[in-house]
Amino acid sequence: MRLINVHDAKTNFSRLLELAHAGEEIVLAKAGKPYARLVPLAADHGKRRPGRLTGCVADTFFEPLPETELAAWEAP
């Protein structure tokens, strides 16, 4: 963790972004007191994979609807 004053952060912002992107935590200080934190974004998990949530939906979800509900969907 690095503690950097705001004035120095303004001067070296691009370098601090690179350090944060590389995984380092940068704490920005105002008048010597910690004020904000510069951290990397969470990693992208890539493309979606079908079937990843298998088992998250109850089996009753796939049962046929009752006749009264079917009639309500088919009514004009």
Protein backbone atom coordinates (compact mmCIF):
# COMPACT_ATOMS: atom_id res chain seq x y z
CA MET A 1 0.00 0.00 0.00
CA ARG A 2 1.29 3.43 -0.94
CA LEU A 3 0.15 6.67 0.68
CA ILE A 4 0.27 9.51 -1.88
CA ASN A 5 -0.73 13.13 -1.35
CA VAL A 6 -3.27 14.55 -3.79
CA HIS A 7 -0.78 17.01 -5.30
CA ASP A 8 1.67 14.18 -6.08
CA ALA A 9 -1.19 12.04 -7.39
CA LYS A 10 -2.18 14.76 -9.86
CA THR A 11 1.39 14.96 -11.11
CA ASN A 12 1.86 11.19 -11.42
CA PHE A 13 -1.68 10.01 -12.14
CA SER A 14 -0.81 7.86 -15.18
CA ARG A 15 1.93 6.06 -13.27
CA LEU A 16 -0.39 5.49 -10.30
CA LEU A 17 -3.03 4.04 -12.63
CA GLU A 18 -0.49 1.58 -13.98
CA LEU A 19 0.51 0.56 -10.45
CA ALA A 20 -3.13 0.07 -9.43
CA HIS A 21 -3.81 -1.91 -12.60
CA ALA A 22 -0.86 -4.13 -11.71
CA GLY A 23 -2.54 -4.90 -8.35
CA GLU A 24 -1.03 -2.36 -5.99
CA GLU A 25 -3.30 -0.44 -3.63
CA ILE A 26 -2.80 3.33 -3.68
CA VAL A 27 -4.22 5.44 -0.85
CA LEU A 28 -4.70 9.10 -1.71
CA ALA A 29 -4.20 11.49 1.18
CA LYS A 30 -5.36 15.05 1.70
CA ALA A 31 -3.33 17.00 4.23
CA GLY A 32 -1.67 13.73 5.27
CA LYS A 33 -4.98 12.00 6.11
CA PRO A 34 -6.18 9.04 4.04
CA TYR A 35 -8.97 10.24 1.76
CA ALA A 36 -9.58 7.70 -1.03
CA ARG A 37 -8.30 4.39 -2.34
CA LEU A 38 -7.20 3.59 -5.89
CA VAL A 39 -7.53 -0.14 -6.57
CA PRO A 40 -7.80 -2.28 -9.72
CA LEU A 41 -11.21 -3.27 -11.03
CA ALA A 42 -12.35 -6.82 -10.47
CA ALA A 43 -11.20 -9.23 -13.14
CA ASP A 44 -13.50 -9.87 -16.07
CA HIS A 45 -14.91 -13.37 -15.86
CA GLY A 46 -14.98 -13.80 -19.61
CA LYS A 47 -17.81 -15.03 -21.76
CA ARG A 48 -20.98 -16.52 -20.36
CA ARG A 49 -21.10 -20.28 -20.26
CA PRO A 50 -24.51 -21.93 -20.71
CA GLY A 51 -25.43 -24.36 -17.98
CA ARG A 52 -23.38 -22.65 -15.29
CA LEU A 53 -26.46 -22.14 -13.11
CA THR A 54 -27.82 -25.66 -13.52
CA GLY A 55 -29.72 -26.66 -10.42
CA CYS A 56 -30.59 -23.10 -9.38
CA VAL A 57 -34.20 -23.36 -10.61
CA ALA A 58 -36.58 -25.65 -8.78
CA ASP A 59 -37.90 -28.63 -10.74
CA THR A 60 -41.47 -27.36 -10.20
CA PHE A 61 -40.65 -24.49 -12.57
CA PHE A 62 -40.80 -26.94 -15.46
CA GLU A 63 -44.14 -28.53 -14.50
CA PRO A 64 -47.16 -27.70 -16.70
CA LEU A 65 -49.25 -24.70 -15.67
CA PRO A 66 -52.69 -25.29 -14.14
CA GLU A 67 -55.60 -25.09 -16.61
CA THR A 68 -56.92 -21.88 -15.03
CA GLU A 69 -53.63 -20.08 -15.59
CA LEU A 70 -53.30 -21.39 -19.13
CA ALA A 71 -56.80 -20.11 -19.85
CA ALA A 72 -55.83 -16.66 -18.51
CA TRP A 73 -52.85 -16.49 -20.91
CA GLU A 74 -54.93 -17.58 -23.87
CA ALA A 75 -57.89 -15.25 -23.18
CA PRO A 76 -58.22 -12.30 -25.61
